[in-house]
Amino acid sequence: MGTHLIRRVIVPVAAVAAIVAAYALGGRAVTDMTREQGAASLRAAVLDAAMQCCAIEGSYPSSLAYLEEHYGLVVNRDDYAVTYESYAANVPPSVRVVPR
């Protein structure tokens, strides 16, 4: 009866547990990849807005807030931490976006 119990109960339970674990790990990987892509898109949007500002005004903006106020940039601060460092009016800013 021991071998019969293993085949009928334990093997299916172990298979279901393995499927659930694989699904959970796969879902996490997709979520992480989506967040990384979102960070890259946000960084590109910040740099594009800074370049647009430079083309129109003749200098790069000194702050991220300026781009938000004057160029319609929207930053999702709940999901991303953004670092915007301006060195000089004629040098593109350093932008770093990290998922939270």
PDB file of N, CA and C in Angstrom:
ATOM      1  N   MET A   1       0.811  -1.188   0.000  1.00  0.00           N
ATOM      2  CA  MET A   1       0.000   0.000   0.000  1.00  0.00           C
ATOM      3  C   MET A   1       0.862   1.263   0.000  1.00  0.00           C
ATOM      4  N   GLY A   2       2.090   1.259   0.486  1.00  0.00           N
ATOM      5  CA  GLY A   2       2.948   2.422   0.542  1.00  0.00           C
ATOM      6  C   GLY A   2       3.303   2.958  -0.832  1.00  0.00           C
ATOM      7  N   THR A   3       3.677   2.090  -1.752  1.00  0.00           N
ATOM      8  CA  THR A   3       4.018   2.508  -3.099  1.00  0.00           C
ATOM      9  C   THR A   3       2.788   3.044  -3.815  1.00  0.00           C
ATOM     10  N   HIS A   4       1.656   2.408  -3.593  1.00  0.00           N
ATOM     11  CA  HIS A   4       0.403   2.841  -4.210  1.00  0.00           C
ATOM     12  C   HIS A   4       0.028   4.248  -3.719  1.00  0.00           C
ATOM     13  N   LEU A   5       0.214   4.522  -2.451  1.00  0.00           N
ATOM     14  CA  LEU A   5      -0.078   5.841  -1.876  1.00  0.00           C
ATOM     15  C   LEU A   5       0.828   6.906  -2.484  1.00  0.00           C
ATOM     16  N   ILE A   6       2.083   6.575  -2.660  1.00  0.00           N
ATOM     17  CA  ILE A   6       3.032   7.525  -3.236  1.00  0.00           C
ATOM     18  C   ILE A   6       2.610   7.899  -4.654  1.00  0.00           C
ATOM     19  N   ARG A   7       2.240   6.915  -5.460  1.00  0.00           N
ATOM     20  CA  ARG A   7       1.846   7.186  -6.841  1.00  0.00           C
ATOM     21  C   ARG A   7       0.548   7.969  -6.935  1.00  0.00           C
ATOM     22  N   ARG A   8      -0.385   7.704  -6.066  1.00  0.00           N
ATOM     23  CA  ARG A   8      -1.709   8.319  -6.181  1.00  0.00           C
ATOM     24  C   ARG A   8      -1.813   9.676  -5.503  1.00  0.00           C
ATOM     25  N   VAL A   9      -1.020   9.942  -4.478  1.00  0.00           N
ATOM     26  CA  VAL A   9      -1.177  11.180  -3.719  1.00  0.00           C
ATOM     27  C   VAL A   9       0.063  12.069  -3.783  1.00  0.00           C
ATOM     28  N   ILE A  10       1.169  11.531  -3.412  1.00  0.00           N
ATOM     29  CA  ILE A  10       2.360  12.354  -3.257  1.00  0.00           C
ATOM     30  C   ILE A  10       2.896  12.851  -4.597  1.00  0.00           C
ATOM     31  N   VAL A  11       2.933  12.038  -5.610  1.00  0.00           N
ATOM     32  CA  VAL A  11       3.454  12.454  -6.913  1.00  0.00           C
ATOM     33  C   VAL A  11       2.606  13.581  -7.514  1.00  0.00           C
ATOM     34  N   PRO A  12       1.268  13.474  -7.555  1.00  0.00           N
ATOM     35  CA  PRO A  12       0.486  14.593  -8.085  1.00  0.00           C
ATOM     36  C   PRO A  12       0.629  15.881  -7.260  1.00  0.00           C
ATOM     37  N   VAL A  13       0.700  15.753  -5.953  1.00  0.00           N
ATOM     38  CA  VAL A  13       0.874  16.931  -5.102  1.00  0.00           C
ATOM     39  C   VAL A  13       2.223  17.590  -5.387  1.00  0.00           C
ATOM     40  N   ALA A  14       3.265  16.807  -5.536  1.00  0.00           N
ATOM     41  CA  ALA A  14       4.588  17.348  -5.851  1.00  0.00           C
ATOM     42  C   ALA A  14       4.591  18.006  -7.235  1.00  0.00           C
ATOM     43  N   ALA A  15       3.890  17.419  -8.196  1.00  0.00           N
ATOM     44  CA  ALA A  15       3.819  17.996  -9.535  1.00  0.00           C
ATOM     45  C   ALA A  15       3.102  19.338  -9.506  1.00  0.00           C
ATOM     46  N   VAL A  16       2.013  19.435  -8.780  1.00  0.00           N
ATOM     47  CA  VAL A  16       1.275  20.690  -8.670  1.00  0.00           C
ATOM     48  C   VAL A  16       2.140  21.745  -7.978  1.00  0.00           C
ATOM     49  N   ALA A  17       2.850  21.363  -6.935  1.00  0.00           N
ATOM     50  CA  ALA A  17       3.727  22.299  -6.230  1.00  0.00           C
ATOM     51  C   ALA A  17       4.826  22.805  -7.162  1.00  0.00           C
ATOM     52  N   ALA A  18       5.380  21.940  -7.999  1.00  0.00           N
ATOM     53  CA  ALA A  18       6.419  22.346  -8.939  1.00  0.00           C
ATOM     54  C   ALA A  18       5.858  23.316  -9.985  1.00  0.00           C
ATOM     55  N   ILE A  19       4.653  23.069 -10.456  1.00  0.00           N
ATOM     56  CA  ILE A  19       4.015  23.959 -11.436  1.00  0.00           C
ATOM     57  C   ILE A  19       3.745  25.321 -10.819  1.00  0.00           C
ATOM     58  N   VAL A  20       3.240  25.348  -9.608  1.00  0.00           N
ATOM     59  CA  VAL A  20       2.967  26.619  -8.925  1.00  0.00           C
ATOM     60  C   VAL A  20       4.257  27.400  -8.712  1.00  0.00           C
ATOM     61  N   ALA A  21       5.323  26.740  -8.306  1.00  0.00           N
ATOM     62  CA  ALA A  21       6.608  27.412  -8.092  1.00  0.00           C
ATOM     63  C   ALA A  21       7.148  27.973  -9.407  1.00  0.00           C
ATOM     64  N   ALA A  22       7.060  27.213 -10.481  1.00  0.00           N
ATOM     65  CA  ALA A  22       7.545  27.692 -11.779  1.00  0.00           C
ATOM     66  C   ALA A  22       6.735  28.897 -12.249  1.00  0.00           C
ATOM     67  N   TYR A  23       5.437  28.861 -12.054  1.00  0.00           N
ATOM     68  CA  TYR A  23       4.579  29.982 -12.446  1.00  0.00           C
ATOM     69  C   TYR A  23       4.927  31.235 -11.639  1.00  0.00           C
ATOM     70  N   ALA A  24       5.142  31.085 -10.350  1.00  0.00           N
ATOM     71  CA  ALA A  24       5.477  32.228  -9.491  1.00  0.00           C
ATOM     72  C   ALA A  24       6.817  32.835  -9.898  1.00  0.00           C
ATOM     73  N   LEU A  25       7.805  32.010 -10.161  1.00  0.00           N
ATOM     74  CA  LEU A  25       9.117  32.513 -10.574  1.00  0.00           C
ATOM     75  C   LEU A  25       9.053  33.167 -11.949  1.00  0.00           C
ATOM     76  N   GLY A  26       8.302  32.599 -12.856  1.00  0.00           N
ATOM     77  CA  GLY A  26       8.152  33.173 -14.190  1.00  0.00           C
ATOM     78  C   GLY A  26       7.436  34.511 -14.138  1.00  0.00           C
ATOM     79  N   GLY A  27       6.405  34.616 -13.323  1.00  0.00           N
ATOM     80  CA  GLY A  27       5.680  35.874 -13.165  1.00  0.00           C
ATOM     81  C   GLY A  27       6.573  36.958 -12.597  1.00  0.00           C
ATOM     82  N   ARG A  28       7.416  36.601 -11.682  1.00  0.00           N
ATOM     83  CA  ARG A  28       8.348  37.567 -11.087  1.00  0.00           C
ATOM     84  C   ARG A  28       9.344  38.069 -12.126  1.00  0.00           C
ATOM     85  N   ALA A  29       9.831  37.172 -12.966  1.00  0.00           N
ATOM     86  CA  ALA A  29      10.788  37.564 -14.000  1.00  0.00           C
ATOM     87  C   ALA A  29      10.152  38.527 -14.994  1.00  0.00           C
ATOM     88  N   VAL A  30       8.914  38.270 -15.370  1.00  0.00           N
ATOM     89  CA  VAL A  30       8.212  39.158 -16.302  1.00  0.00           C
ATOM     90  C   VAL A  30       7.997  40.518 -15.658  1.00  0.00           C
ATOM     91  N   THR A  31       7.614  40.543 -14.396  1.00  0.00           N
ATOM     92  CA  THR A  31       7.406  41.804 -13.684  1.00  0.00           C
ATOM     93  C   THR A  31       8.705  42.597 -13.606  1.00  0.00           C
ATOM     94  N   ASP A  32       9.796  41.943 -13.281  1.00  0.00           N
ATOM     95  CA  ASP A  32      11.100  42.626 -13.200  1.00  0.00           C
ATOM     96  C   ASP A  32      11.516  43.187 -14.556  1.00  0.00           C
ATOM     97  N   MET A  33      11.288  42.423 -15.623  1.00  0.00           N
ATOM     98  CA  MET A  33      11.659  42.880 -16.949  1.00  0.00           C
ATOM     99  C   MET A  33      10.808  44.088 -17.360  1.00  0.00           C
ATOM    100  N   THR A  34       9.535  44.052 -17.030  1.00  0.00           N
ATOM    101  CA  THR A  34       8.648  45.169 -17.344  1.00  0.00           C
ATOM    102  C   THR A  34       9.075  46.429 -16.606  1.00  0.00           C
ATOM    103  N   ARG A  35       9.455  46.293 -15.357  1.00  0.00           N
ATOM    104  CA  ARG A  35       9.904  47.447 -14.573  1.00  0.00           C
ATOM    105  C   ARG A  35      11.199  48.027 -15.142  1.00  0.00           C
ATOM    106  N   GLU A  36      12.113  47.166 -15.572  1.00  0.00           N
ATOM    107  CA  GLU A  36      13.362  47.635 -16.175  1.00  0.00           C
ATOM    108  C   GLU A  36      13.101  48.361 -17.493  1.00  0.00           C
ATOM    109  N   GLN A  37      12.182  47.840 -18.289  1.00  0.00           N
ATOM    110  CA  GLN A  37      11.834  48.508 -19.545  1.00  0.00           C
ATOM    111  C   GLN A  37      11.174  49.857 -19.276  1.00  0.00           C
ATOM    112  N   GLY A  38      10.345  49.913 -18.237  1.00  0.00           N
ATOM    113  CA  GLY A  38       9.714  51.178 -17.861  1.00  0.00           C
ATOM    114  C   GLY A  38      10.751  52.203 -17.431  1.00  0.00           C
ATOM    115  N   ALA A  39      11.758  51.758 -16.698  1.00  0.00           N
ATOM    116  CA  ALA A  39      12.828  52.662 -16.266  1.00  0.00           C
ATOM    117  C   ALA A  39      13.602  53.194 -17.472  1.00  0.00           C
ATOM    118  N   ALA A  40      13.888  52.330 -18.426  1.00  0.00           N
ATOM    119  CA  ALA A  40      14.608  52.759 -19.629  1.00  0.00           C
ATOM    120  C   ALA A  40      13.768  53.752 -20.438  1.00  0.00           C
ATOM    121  N   SER A  41      12.474  53.505 -20.529  1.00  0.00           N
ATOM    122  CA  SER A  41      11.583  54.420 -21.262  1.00  0.00           C
ATOM    123  C   SER A  41      11.499  55.775 -20.575  1.00  0.00           C
ATOM    124  N   LEU A  42      11.421  55.759 -19.244  1.00  0.00           N
ATOM    125  CA  LEU A  42      11.357  57.022 -18.503  1.00  0.00           C
ATOM    126  C   LEU A  42      12.655  57.804 -18.669  1.00  0.00           C
ATOM    127  N   ARG A  43      13.787  57.136 -18.606  1.00  0.00           N
ATOM    128  CA  ARG A  43      15.079  57.804 -18.797  1.00  0.00           C
ATOM    129  C   ARG A  43      15.144  58.439 -20.181  1.00  0.00           C
ATOM    130  N   ALA A  44      14.705  57.697 -21.200  1.00  0.00           N
ATOM    131  CA  ALA A  44      14.701  58.233 -22.561  1.00  0.00           C
ATOM    132  C   ALA A  44      13.777  59.448 -22.665  1.00  0.00           C
ATOM    133  N   ALA A  45      12.630  59.407 -21.997  1.00  0.00           N
ATOM    134  CA  ALA A  45      11.695  60.535 -22.035  1.00  0.00           C
ATOM    135  C   ALA A  45      12.298  61.771 -21.373  1.00  0.00           C
ATOM    136  N   VAL A  46      13.008  61.576 -20.261  1.00  0.00           N
ATOM    137  CA  VAL A  46      13.651  62.706 -19.577  1.00  0.00           C
ATOM    138  C   VAL A  46      14.724  63.315 -20.473  1.00  0.00           C
ATOM    139  N   LEU A  47      15.558  62.479 -21.070  1.00  0.00           N
ATOM    140  CA  LEU A  47      16.617  62.982 -21.944  1.00  0.00           C
ATOM    141  C   LEU A  47      16.045  63.662 -23.194  1.00  0.00           C
ATOM    142  N   ASP A  48      14.976  63.100 -23.743  1.00  0.00           N
ATOM    143  CA  ASP A  48      14.332  63.724 -24.905  1.00  0.00           C
ATOM    144  C   ASP A  48      13.781  65.104 -24.551  1.00  0.00           C
ATOM    145  N   ALA A  49      13.139  65.204 -23.394  1.00  0.00           N
ATOM    146  CA  ALA A  49      12.598  66.497 -22.967  1.00  0.00           C
ATOM    147  C   ALA A  49      13.733  67.500 -22.731  1.00  0.00           C
ATOM    148  N   ALA A  50      14.845  67.039 -22.159  1.00  0.00           N
ATOM    149  CA  ALA A  50      15.991  67.932 -21.931  1.00  0.00           C
ATOM    150  C   ALA A  50      16.566  68.419 -23.253  1.00  0.00           C
ATOM    151  N   MET A  51      16.653  67.525 -24.248  1.00  0.00           N
ATOM    152  CA  MET A  51      17.168  67.926 -25.557  1.00  0.00           C
ATOM    153  C   MET A  51      16.208  68.886 -26.259  1.00  0.00           C
ATOM    154  N   GLN A  52      14.928  68.636 -26.107  1.00  0.00           N
ATOM    155  CA  GLN A  52      13.940  69.545 -26.692  1.00  0.00           C
ATOM    156  C   GLN A  52      14.065  70.929 -26.052  1.00  0.00           C
ATOM    157  N   CYS A  53      14.218  70.966 -24.753  1.00  0.00           N
ATOM    158  CA  CYS A  53      14.394  72.232 -24.044  1.00  0.00           C
ATOM    159  C   CYS A  53      15.639  72.953 -24.558  1.00  0.00           C
ATOM    160  N   CYS A  54      16.722  72.230 -24.722  1.00  0.00           N
ATOM    161  CA  CYS A  54      17.971  72.834 -25.206  1.00  0.00           C
ATOM    162  C   CYS A  54      17.802  73.380 -26.619  1.00  0.00           C
ATOM    163  N   ALA A  55      17.087  72.629 -27.454  1.00  0.00           N
ATOM    164  CA  ALA A  55      16.877  73.080 -28.828  1.00  0.00           C
ATOM    165  C   ALA A  55      16.029  74.350 -28.871  1.00  0.00           C
ATOM    166  N   ILE A  56      15.050  74.438 -28.000  1.00  0.00           N
ATOM    167  CA  ILE A  56      14.137  75.588 -27.998  1.00  0.00           C
ATOM    168  C   ILE A  56      14.732  76.789 -27.261  1.00  0.00           C
ATOM    169  N   GLU A  57      15.330  76.532 -26.095  1.00  0.00           N
ATOM    170  CA  GLU A  57      15.774  77.625 -25.223  1.00  0.00           C
ATOM    171  C   GLU A  57      17.276  77.913 -25.304  1.00  0.00           C
ATOM    172  N   GLY A  58      18.026  77.017 -25.906  1.00  0.00           N
ATOM    173  CA  GLY A  58      19.456  77.242 -26.051  1.00  0.00           C
ATOM    174  C   GLY A  58      20.309  76.701 -24.922  1.00  0.00           C
ATOM    175  N   SER A  59      19.692  76.061 -23.925  1.00  0.00           N
ATOM    176  CA  SER A  59      20.462  75.458 -22.825  1.00  0.00           C
ATOM    177  C   SER A  59      19.663  74.318 -22.212  1.00  0.00           C
ATOM    178  N   TYR A  60      20.397  73.421 -21.574  1.00  0.00           N
ATOM    179  CA  TYR A  60      19.735  72.313 -20.888  1.00  0.00           C
ATOM    180  C   TYR A  60      19.127  72.820 -19.582  1.00  0.00           C
ATOM    181  N   PRO A  61      17.991  72.264 -19.178  1.00  0.00           N
ATOM    182  CA  PRO A  61      17.362  72.718 -17.935  1.00  0.00           C
ATOM    183  C   PRO A  61      18.177  72.289 -16.721  1.00  0.00           C
ATOM    184  N   SER A  62      18.074  73.081 -15.683  1.00  0.00           N
ATOM    185  CA  SER A  62      18.854  72.786 -14.476  1.00  0.00           C
ATOM    186  C   SER A  62      18.171  71.786 -13.553  1.00  0.00           C
ATOM    187  N   SER A  63      16.890  71.495 -13.821  1.00  0.00           N
ATOM    188  CA  SER A  63      16.201  70.570 -12.918  1.00  0.00           C
ATOM    189  C   SER A  63      15.138  69.756 -13.648  1.00  0.00           C
ATOM    190  N   LEU A  64      14.815  68.646 -13.064  1.00  0.00           N
ATOM    191  CA  LEU A  64      13.747  67.794 -13.562  1.00  0.00           C
ATOM    192  C   LEU A  64      12.400  68.501 -13.420  1.00  0.00           C
ATOM    193  N   ALA A  65      12.241  69.248 -12.349  1.00  0.00           N
ATOM    194  CA  ALA A  65      10.990  69.979 -12.114  1.00  0.00           C
ATOM    195  C   ALA A  65      10.699  70.949 -13.254  1.00  0.00           C
ATOM    196  N   TYR A  66      11.739  71.557 -13.814  1.00  0.00           N
ATOM    197  CA  TYR A  66      11.542  72.486 -14.933  1.00  0.00           C
ATOM    198  C   TYR A  66      10.943  71.756 -16.131  1.00  0.00           C
ATOM    199  N   LEU A  67      11.434  70.556 -16.399  1.00  0.00           N
ATOM    200  CA  LEU A  67      10.899  69.775 -17.515  1.00  0.00           C
ATOM    201  C   LEU A  67       9.448  69.368 -17.254  1.00  0.00           C
ATOM    202  N   GLU A  68       9.150  69.050 -16.014  1.00  0.00           N
ATOM    203  CA  GLU A  68       7.780  68.684 -15.674  1.00  0.00           C
ATOM    204  C   GLU A  68       6.838  69.882 -15.835  1.00  0.00           C
ATOM    205  N   GLU A  69       7.300  71.029 -15.406  1.00  0.00           N
ATOM    206  CA  GLU A  69       6.455  72.226 -15.431  1.00  0.00           C
ATOM    207  C   GLU A  69       6.289  72.806 -16.833  1.00  0.00           C
ATOM    208  N   HIS A  70       7.365  72.835 -17.611  1.00  0.00           N
ATOM    209  CA  HIS A  70       7.333  73.542 -18.888  1.00  0.00           C
ATOM    210  C   HIS A  70       7.243  72.649 -20.125  1.00  0.00           C
ATOM    211  N   TYR A  71       7.555  71.364 -19.983  1.00  0.00           N
ATOM    212  CA  TYR A  71       7.580  70.478 -21.142  1.00  0.00           C
ATOM    213  C   TYR A  71       6.653  69.272 -21.013  1.00  0.00           C
ATOM    214  N   GLY A  72       5.817  69.253 -20.006  1.00  0.00           N
ATOM    215  CA  GLY A  72       4.813  68.207 -19.860  1.00  0.00           C
ATOM    216  C   GLY A  72       5.341  66.837 -19.496  1.00  0.00           C
ATOM    217  N   LEU A  73       6.559  66.778 -19.012  1.00  0.00           N
ATOM    218  CA  LEU A  73       7.121  65.498 -18.591  1.00  0.00           C
ATOM    219  C   LEU A  73       6.374  65.002 -17.363  1.00  0.00           C
ATOM    220  N   VAL A  74       6.027  63.714 -17.368  1.00  0.00           N
ATOM    221  CA  VAL A  74       5.345  63.102 -16.227  1.00  0.00           C
ATOM    222  C   VAL A  74       6.250  62.006 -15.679  1.00  0.00           C
ATOM    223  N   VAL A  75       6.564  62.104 -14.383  1.00  0.00           N
ATOM    224  CA  VAL A  75       7.453  61.146 -13.728  1.00  0.00           C
ATOM    225  C   VAL A  75       6.661  60.383 -12.669  1.00  0.00           C
ATOM    226  N   ASN A  76       6.647  59.068 -12.782  1.00  0.00           N
ATOM    227  CA  ASN A  76       5.971  58.206 -11.815  1.00  0.00           C
ATOM    228  C   ASN A  76       6.932  57.941 -10.655  1.00  0.00           C
ATOM    229  N   ARG A  77       6.860  58.784  -9.649  1.00  0.00           N
ATOM    230  CA  ARG A  77       7.779  58.672  -8.514  1.00  0.00           C
ATOM    231  C   ARG A  77       7.414  57.528  -7.566  1.00  0.00           C
ATOM    232  N   ASP A  78       6.222  56.994  -7.695  1.00  0.00           N
ATOM    233  CA  ASP A  78       5.839  55.844  -6.864  1.00  0.00           C
ATOM    234  C   ASP A  78       6.597  54.590  -7.288  1.00  0.00           C
ATOM    235  N   ASP A  79       6.851  54.463  -8.588  1.00  0.00           N
ATOM    236  CA  ASP A  79       7.492  53.259  -9.105  1.00  0.00           C
ATOM    237  C   ASP A  79       8.968  53.424  -9.454  1.00  0.00           C
ATOM    238  N   TYR A  80       9.419  54.689  -9.615  1.00  0.00           N
ATOM    239  CA  TYR A  80      10.798  54.924 -10.050  1.00  0.00           C
ATOM    240  C   TYR A  80      11.458  56.047  -9.259  1.00  0.00           C
ATOM    241  N   ALA A  81      12.725  55.856  -8.958  1.00  0.00           N
ATOM    242  CA  ALA A  81      13.543  56.912  -8.359  1.00  0.00           C
ATOM    243  C   ALA A  81      14.365  57.512  -9.494  1.00  0.00           C
ATOM    244  N   VAL A  82      14.277  58.839  -9.650  1.00  0.00           N
ATOM    245  CA  VAL A  82      14.965  59.513 -10.753  1.00  0.00           C
ATOM    246  C   VAL A  82      15.994  60.477 -10.183  1.00  0.00           C
ATOM    247  N   THR A  83      17.226  60.366 -10.687  1.00  0.00           N
ATOM    248  CA  THR A  83      18.286  61.294 -10.338  1.00  0.00           C
ATOM    249  C   THR A  83      18.615  62.101 -11.587  1.00  0.00           C
ATOM    250  N   TYR A  84      18.521  63.418 -11.480  1.00  0.00           N
ATOM    251  CA  TYR A  84      18.790  64.331 -12.598  1.00  0.00           C
ATOM    252  C   TYR A  84      19.873  65.282 -12.137  1.00  0.00           C
ATOM    253  N   GLU A  85      21.040  65.197 -12.768  1.00  0.00           N
ATOM    254  CA  GLU A  85      22.155  66.063 -12.388  1.00  0.00           C
ATOM    255  C   GLU A  85      22.568  66.911 -13.579  1.00  0.00           C
ATOM    256  N   SER A  86      22.468  68.227 -13.410  1.00  0.00           N
ATOM    257  CA  SER A  86      22.855  69.170 -14.443  1.00  0.00           C
ATOM    258  C   SER A  86      24.208  69.757 -14.072  1.00  0.00           C
ATOM    259  N   TYR A  87      25.166  69.677 -14.988  1.00  0.00           N
ATOM    260  CA  TYR A  87      26.507  70.178 -14.710  1.00  0.00           C
ATOM    261  C   TYR A  87      26.713  71.591 -15.247  1.00  0.00           C
ATOM    262  N   ALA A  88      26.222  71.831 -16.456  1.00  0.00           N
ATOM    263  CA  ALA A  88      26.362  73.140 -17.097  1.00  0.00           C
ATOM    264  C   ALA A  88      25.256  73.274 -18.131  1.00  0.00           C
ATOM    265  N   ALA A  89      24.949  74.500 -18.501  1.00  0.00           N
ATOM    266  CA  ALA A  89      23.853  74.756 -19.426  1.00  0.00           C
ATOM    267  C   ALA A  89      24.109  74.168 -20.817  1.00  0.00           C
ATOM    268  N   ASN A  90      25.373  73.931 -21.154  1.00  0.00           N
ATOM    269  CA  ASN A  90      25.703  73.402 -22.479  1.00  0.00           C
ATOM    270  C   ASN A  90      26.097  71.929 -22.474  1.00  0.00           C
ATOM    271  N   VAL A  91      25.913  71.251 -21.332  1.00  0.00           N
ATOM    272  CA  VAL A  91      26.254  69.831 -21.202  1.00  0.00           C
ATOM    273  C   VAL A  91      24.980  69.049 -20.874  1.00  0.00           C
ATOM    274  N   PRO A  92      24.722  67.977 -21.627  1.00  0.00           N
ATOM    275  CA  PRO A  92      23.520  67.177 -21.319  1.00  0.00           C
ATOM    276  C   PRO A  92      23.544  66.686 -19.872  1.00  0.00           C
ATOM    277  N   PRO A  93      22.379  66.624 -19.224  1.00  0.00           N
ATOM    278  CA  PRO A  93      22.339  66.181 -17.835  1.00  0.00           C
ATOM    279  C   PRO A  93      22.606  64.690 -17.716  1.00  0.00           C
ATOM    280  N   SER A  94      23.005  64.304 -16.531  1.00  0.00           N
ATOM    281  CA  SER A  94      23.132  62.890 -16.203  1.00  0.00           C
ATOM    282  C   SER A  94      21.796  62.442 -15.608  1.00  0.00           C
ATOM    283  N   VAL A  95      21.204  61.405 -16.180  1.00  0.00           N
ATOM    284  CA  VAL A  95      19.899  60.938 -15.725  1.00  0.00           C
ATOM    285  C   VAL A  95      20.005  59.471 -15.363  1.00  0.00           C
ATOM    286  N   ARG A  96      19.525  59.134 -14.178  1.00  0.00           N
ATOM    287  CA  ARG A  96      19.502  57.746 -13.729  1.00  0.00           C
ATOM    288  C   ARG A  96      18.100  57.444 -13.227  1.00  0.00           C
ATOM    289  N   VAL A  97      17.514  56.355 -13.701  1.00  0.00           N
ATOM    290  CA  VAL A  97      16.180  55.938 -13.288  1.00  0.00           C
ATOM    291  C   VAL A  97      16.282  54.511 -12.764  1.00  0.00           C
ATOM    292  N   VAL A  98      15.785  54.311 -11.532  1.00  0.00           N
ATOM    293  CA  VAL A  98      15.864  53.000 -10.889  1.00  0.00           C
ATOM    294  C   VAL A  98      14.469  52.600 -10.417  1.00  0.00           C
ATOM    295  N   PRO A  99      14.030  51.396 -10.771  1.00  0.00           N
ATOM    296  CA  PRO A  99      12.737  50.938 -10.243  1.00  0.00           C
ATOM    297  C   PRO A  99      12.790  50.817  -8.731  1.00  0.00           C
ATOM    298  N   ARG A 100      11.704  51.178  -8.088  1.00  0.00           N
ATOM    299  CA  ARG A 100      11.641  51.053  -6.621  1.00  0.00           C
ATOM    300  C   ARG A 100      11.269  49.649  -6.239  1.00  0.00           C
TER     301      ARG A 100
END
